[in-house]
Amino acid sequence: MNEKEEHERLAEEKRIQLNLVAQQKELNGATFMDKLKEEYNAALNSLNVDVKKLIGDGYEMKGLFLLKENLERIVKVHTVLDSLYHIIYTNQETLKHCKSKRLDQVRYDSQCGFDMIPLRSQSHVSSFGEEFDESIIMVNLKKCGFNKKHWYLKDVLINEIEYLLKVLPLLMEPDFIPFEQNTDDDTTDPNNDRYISKSVKISVWRRDCGKCVECGSQEKLEYDHIIPVAKGGSNTERNVQLLCEQCNRQKSANIQ
């Protein structure tokens, strides 16, 4: 790469970064990634502070139950983050072919300085084969500057989460709402009584880990009203769930 090409590349990287910052500022309220980061930090803080205090004050069972609850929250956040990352990681060639600016941003970001790395869920698509284990993952994470320690959580878990929270905002458009395109038109129209807000969609997708609550499928997911609006159901998080197309059609048939 000659000097002119290097100059053009750096200028393009700067432009991409400015565009990403501008897009973020244009958003009203927290983004999907903001919500995940907020939930992770809250659970981690409760694990570090509240659990220790309860046990130290003699409330062992309360402390252990809170520990279990926070661990489940952290694992759920990791599941959601990892499912998004896996989609991007396994489709890198498509992104490169289509000249994704966001992928370039991760590959050349001055703070990261690394290509996307395979995590545990990508082990079967890596070139390491059967020898690809957690120690190799941690070597890669450490090279990228992620080497956080925790008194309870496994190193690979907490550092994968920290890595994903750093990388995914660069790879995803800030206003992204998972599977919003798969909902019926009337659930995306603010003037319709079946309208589901973006904040509710974010909460539901995070709660259900991006999977159909009936069969566990991650394909052709839709936002479904548990109690139909026509029968008095609301558009709140409690009354909305993720169903795959097949389970949703089966449910509708049973209701009718």
Protein backbone atom coordinates (compact mmCIF):
# COMPACT_ATOMS: atom_id res chain seq x y z
CA MET A 1 0.00 0.00 0.00
CA ASN A 2 1.51 3.32 -1.10
CA GLU A 3 1.37 6.60 0.80
CA LYS A 4 -1.65 7.91 -1.13
CA GLU A 5 -3.65 4.73 -0.54
CA GLU A 6 -2.75 4.76 3.15
CA HIS A 7 -3.88 8.39 3.43
CA GLU A 8 -7.19 7.57 1.72
CA ARG A 9 -7.73 4.58 4.01
CA LEU A 10 -7.15 6.65 7.15
CA ALA A 11 -9.48 9.36 5.87
CA GLU A 12 -12.18 6.77 5.20
CA GLU A 13 -11.78 5.29 8.68
CA LYS A 14 -12.19 8.76 10.19
CA ARG A 15 -15.31 9.39 8.14
CA ILE A 16 -16.82 6.07 9.22
CA GLN A 17 -16.16 6.86 12.88
CA LEU A 18 -17.75 10.31 12.60
CA ASN A 19 -20.79 8.85 10.87
CA LEU A 20 -21.23 6.24 13.60
CA VAL A 21 -21.01 8.90 16.30
CA ALA A 22 -23.52 11.10 14.45
CA GLN A 23 -25.95 8.21 14.06
CA GLN A 24 -25.72 7.47 17.76
CA LYS A 25 -26.47 11.08 18.71
CA GLU A 26 -29.55 11.14 16.48
CA LEU A 27 -31.21 8.32 18.41
CA ASN A 28 -33.89 9.06 20.98
CA GLY A 29 -33.36 7.03 24.13
CA ALA A 30 -31.19 4.01 24.74
CA THR A 31 -30.24 1.64 21.94
CA PHE A 32 -30.56 -2.14 21.94
CA MET A 33 -26.88 -2.45 22.91
CA ASP A 34 -27.27 0.20 25.61
CA LYS A 35 -30.00 -1.90 27.22
CA LEU A 36 -27.84 -5.02 27.22
CA LYS A 37 -24.86 -3.17 28.65
CA GLU A 38 -27.02 -1.59 31.35
CA GLU A 39 -28.45 -4.97 32.37
CA TYR A 40 -25.01 -6.59 32.44
CA ASN A 41 -23.46 -3.82 34.54
CA ALA A 42 -26.40 -3.87 36.98
CA ALA A 43 -26.13 -7.64 37.47
CA LEU A 44 -22.36 -7.49 37.80
CA ASN A 45 -22.56 -4.69 40.38
CA SER A 46 -25.20 -6.57 42.36
CA LEU A 47 -22.98 -9.66 42.28
CA ASN A 48 -19.98 -7.71 43.54
CA VAL A 49 -21.73 -5.56 46.14
CA ASP A 50 -25.16 -6.85 47.20
CA VAL A 51 -24.31 -10.56 47.29
CA LYS A 52 -21.14 -10.02 49.30
CA LYS A 53 -22.94 -7.72 51.75
CA LEU A 54 -25.87 -10.10 52.31
CA ILE A 55 -23.59 -13.05 53.02
CA GLY A 56 -21.25 -10.93 55.14
CA ASP A 57 -24.22 -9.72 57.22
CA GLY A 58 -25.36 -13.27 57.90
CA TYR A 59 -28.04 -13.63 55.21
CA GLU A 60 -26.41 -16.55 53.43
CA MET A 61 -29.48 -17.94 51.64
CA LYS A 62 -30.65 -14.53 50.46
CA GLY A 63 -27.16 -13.88 49.18
CA LEU A 64 -26.96 -17.21 47.36
CA PHE A 65 -30.37 -16.78 45.75
CA LEU A 66 -29.36 -13.27 44.59
CA LEU A 67 -26.09 -14.71 43.25
CA LYS A 68 -28.06 -17.28 41.23
CA GLU A 69 -30.41 -14.59 39.90
CA ASN A 70 -27.58 -12.29 38.82
CA LEU A 71 -25.66 -15.14 37.21
CA GLU A 72 -28.74 -16.04 35.15
CA ARG A 73 -29.05 -12.40 34.03
CA ILE A 74 -25.40 -12.26 33.00
CA VAL A 75 -25.58 -15.56 31.12
CA LYS A 76 -28.72 -14.37 29.32
CA VAL A 77 -26.97 -11.16 28.24
CA HIS A 78 -24.08 -13.25 26.94
CA THR A 79 -26.47 -15.51 25.03
CA VAL A 80 -28.09 -12.54 23.29
CA LEU A 81 -24.77 -10.84 22.48
CA ASP A 82 -23.23 -14.07 21.24
CA SER A 83 -26.19 -14.90 18.98
CA LEU A 84 -25.79 -11.52 17.26
CA TYR A 85 -22.04 -11.88 16.95
CA HIS A 86 -22.35 -15.39 15.53
CA ILE A 87 -24.55 -14.11 12.70
CA ILE A 88 -21.99 -11.45 11.80
CA TYR A 89 -18.93 -13.67 12.28
CA THR A 90 -20.21 -16.48 10.07
CA ASN A 91 -21.17 -14.01 7.33
CA GLN A 92 -17.95 -11.99 7.16
CA GLU A 93 -17.35 -12.91 3.53
CA THR A 94 -20.76 -11.53 2.60
CA LEU A 95 -20.01 -8.29 4.44
CA LYS A 96 -16.61 -8.02 2.74
CA HIS A 97 -18.11 -8.74 -0.68
CA CYS A 98 -20.71 -6.02 -0.15
CA LYS A 99 -17.99 -3.66 1.15
CA SER A 100 -19.37 -3.21 4.66
CA LYS A 101 -18.04 -0.02 6.20
CA ARG A 102 -18.81 -1.28 9.68
CA LEU A 103 -16.70 -4.39 9.25
CA ASP A 104 -13.81 -2.20 8.10
CA GLN A 105 -14.32 -0.05 11.17
CA VAL A 106 -13.74 -3.04 13.45
CA ARG A 107 -10.79 -4.35 11.44
CA TYR A 108 -8.95 -1.02 11.48
CA ASP A 109 -10.25 0.68 14.62
CA SER A 110 -7.33 2.34 16.37
CA GLN A 111 -8.57 1.29 19.82
CA CYS A 112 -9.16 -2.33 18.86
CA GLY A 113 -6.64 -3.04 16.13
CA PHE A 114 -7.84 -6.57 15.41
CA ASP A 115 -10.02 -8.61 13.11
CA MET A 116 -13.07 -10.37 14.51
CA ILE A 117 -11.97 -13.34 16.61
CA PRO A 118 -13.76 -16.69 17.05
CA LEU A 119 -15.39 -17.22 20.43
CA ARG A 120 -16.79 -20.44 21.92
CA SER A 121 -19.87 -20.50 19.68
CA GLN A 122 -17.64 -20.10 16.60
CA SER A 123 -15.28 -22.94 17.53
CA HIS A 124 -16.79 -25.32 14.96
CA VAL A 125 -16.15 -22.87 12.12
CA SER A 126 -12.58 -22.10 13.14
CA SER A 127 -9.42 -23.63 11.78
CA PHE A 128 -8.39 -24.95 15.19
CA GLY A 129 -10.59 -28.04 15.01
CA GLU A 130 -10.91 -30.14 18.15
CA GLU A 131 -8.03 -28.35 19.86
CA PHE A 132 -9.97 -25.09 19.90
CA ASP A 133 -10.68 -24.63 23.61
CA GLU A 134 -11.14 -21.88 26.18
CA SER A 135 -7.41 -21.34 26.59
CA ILE A 136 -7.10 -20.42 22.91
CA ILE A 137 -10.07 -18.09 23.21
CA MET A 138 -8.47 -16.35 26.18
CA VAL A 139 -5.17 -15.97 24.28
CA ASN A 140 -7.03 -14.15 21.51
CA LEU A 141 -9.01 -12.03 23.94
CA LYS A 142 -5.85 -11.04 25.82
CA LYS A 143 -4.21 -9.99 22.54
CA CYS A 144 -7.16 -7.64 22.07
CA GLY A 145 -6.75 -6.21 25.58
CA PHE A 146 -9.49 -8.20 27.34
CA ASN A 147 -8.14 -9.91 30.47
CA LYS A 148 -10.63 -9.10 33.22
CA LYS A 149 -10.67 -11.21 36.38
CA HIS A 150 -13.64 -11.91 38.63
CA TRP A 151 -13.99 -13.62 41.98
CA TYR A 152 -16.87 -15.82 40.76
CA LEU A 153 -17.40 -15.64 36.97
CA LYS A 154 -15.21 -17.69 34.64
CA ASP A 155 -12.58 -15.61 32.81
CA VAL A 156 -13.80 -16.67 29.39
CA LEU A 157 -17.41 -15.65 30.16
CA ILE A 158 -16.75 -12.18 31.49
CA ASN A 159 -14.14 -11.36 28.84
CA GLU A 160 -16.33 -12.57 25.98
CA ILE A 161 -19.07 -10.26 27.25
CA GLU A 162 -16.66 -7.32 27.58
CA TYR A 163 -15.36 -8.00 24.05
CA LEU A 164 -18.86 -8.26 22.57
CA LEU A 165 -20.01 -5.06 24.26
CA LYS A 166 -17.02 -3.31 22.67
CA VAL A 167 -17.24 -4.78 19.17
CA LEU A 168 -20.95 -5.18 18.45
CA PRO A 169 -21.81 -1.44 18.64
CA LEU A 170 -19.27 -0.96 15.83
CA LEU A 171 -20.77 -3.76 13.75
CA MET A 172 -24.48 -2.98 14.22
CA GLU A 173 -26.45 0.08 13.18
CA PRO A 174 -27.45 1.92 16.38
CA ASP A 175 -31.20 1.87 15.66
CA PHE A 176 -31.27 -1.87 14.97
CA ILE A 177 -34.26 -3.74 16.42
CA PRO A 178 -33.98 -7.53 16.04
CA PHE A 179 -36.56 -9.10 13.75
CA GLU A 180 -38.60 -5.91 13.49
CA GLN A 181 -38.97 -6.63 9.78
CA ASN A 182 -40.72 -9.92 10.58
CA THR A 183 -43.67 -8.40 12.44
CA ASP A 184 -47.03 -7.68 10.91
CA ASP A 185 -47.44 -4.20 9.45
CA ASP A 186 -50.01 -3.22 12.07
CA THR A 187 -47.56 -3.87 14.93
CA THR A 188 -45.12 -1.32 13.45
CA ASP A 189 -47.75 1.37 12.77
CA PRO A 190 -48.00 3.78 15.75
CA ASN A 191 -51.62 4.54 14.79
CA ASN A 192 -52.70 0.91 15.12
CA ASP A 193 -53.98 -0.56 18.39
CA ARG A 194 -51.62 -3.55 17.94
CA TYR A 195 -48.54 -1.31 17.72
CA ILE A 196 -45.53 -2.62 19.69
CA SER A 197 -43.00 0.07 20.64
CA LYS A 198 -39.30 -0.33 19.95
CA SER A 199 -38.49 -0.33 23.67
CA VAL A 200 -40.88 -3.25 24.21
CA LYS A 201 -39.40 -5.14 21.26
CA ILE A 202 -35.89 -4.67 22.66
CA SER A 203 -36.97 -5.91 26.11
CA VAL A 204 -38.86 -8.90 24.71
CA TRP A 205 -36.04 -9.95 22.38
CA ARG A 206 -33.53 -9.68 25.24
CA ARG A 207 -35.79 -11.55 27.67
CA ASP A 208 -36.51 -14.41 25.22
CA CYS A 209 -32.85 -14.58 24.10
CA GLY A 210 -33.74 -14.19 20.44
CA LYS A 211 -35.49 -17.59 20.30
CA CYS A 212 -39.02 -18.88 19.84
CA VAL A 213 -40.41 -19.47 23.33
CA GLU A 214 -42.19 -22.63 22.12
CA CYS A 215 -39.63 -24.55 20.04
CA GLY A 216 -36.39 -22.60 20.51
CA SER A 217 -36.01 -21.77 16.80
CA GLN A 218 -34.06 -18.66 15.79
CA GLU A 219 -35.51 -18.59 12.28
CA LYS A 220 -38.39 -16.41 11.02
CA LEU A 221 -39.15 -14.95 14.43
CA GLU A 222 -42.13 -12.69 15.04
CA TYR A 223 -43.39 -10.55 17.91
CA ASP A 224 -46.63 -12.11 19.12
CA HIS A 225 -49.33 -10.87 21.48
CA ILE A 226 -49.85 -13.60 24.12
CA ILE A 227 -53.42 -12.43 24.71
CA PRO A 228 -54.74 -11.03 21.40
CA VAL A 229 -55.49 -7.33 21.41
CA ALA A 230 -59.01 -8.14 20.20
CA LYS A 231 -59.52 -10.08 23.44
CA GLY A 232 -58.19 -7.30 25.68
CA GLY A 233 -54.46 -7.97 25.45
CA SER A 234 -52.01 -5.07 25.81
CA ASN A 235 -48.87 -4.07 23.91
CA THR A 236 -46.67 -4.28 27.01
CA GLU A 237 -43.64 -6.50 27.53
CA ARG A 238 -45.67 -8.93 29.67
CA ASN A 239 -48.08 -9.61 26.82
CA VAL A 240 -45.56 -9.90 23.98
CA GLN A 241 -43.36 -12.87 23.18
CA LEU A 242 -41.14 -14.22 20.41
CA LEU A 243 -42.59 -17.01 18.28
CA CYS A 244 -41.30 -18.49 15.06
CA GLU A 245 -43.61 -18.22 12.07
CA GLN A 246 -44.77 -21.84 12.35
CA CYS A 247 -45.56 -21.70 16.08
CA ASN A 248 -47.29 -18.35 15.65
CA ARG A 249 -49.52 -19.70 12.86
CA GLN A 250 -50.32 -22.77 14.92
CA LYS A 251 -51.24 -20.62 17.89
CA SER A 252 -53.50 -18.44 15.72
CA ALA A 253 -55.23 -21.53 14.36
CA ASN A 254 -55.85 -22.84 17.88
CA ILE A 255 -57.31 -19.50 19.01
CA GLN A 256 -59.66 -19.35 16.04
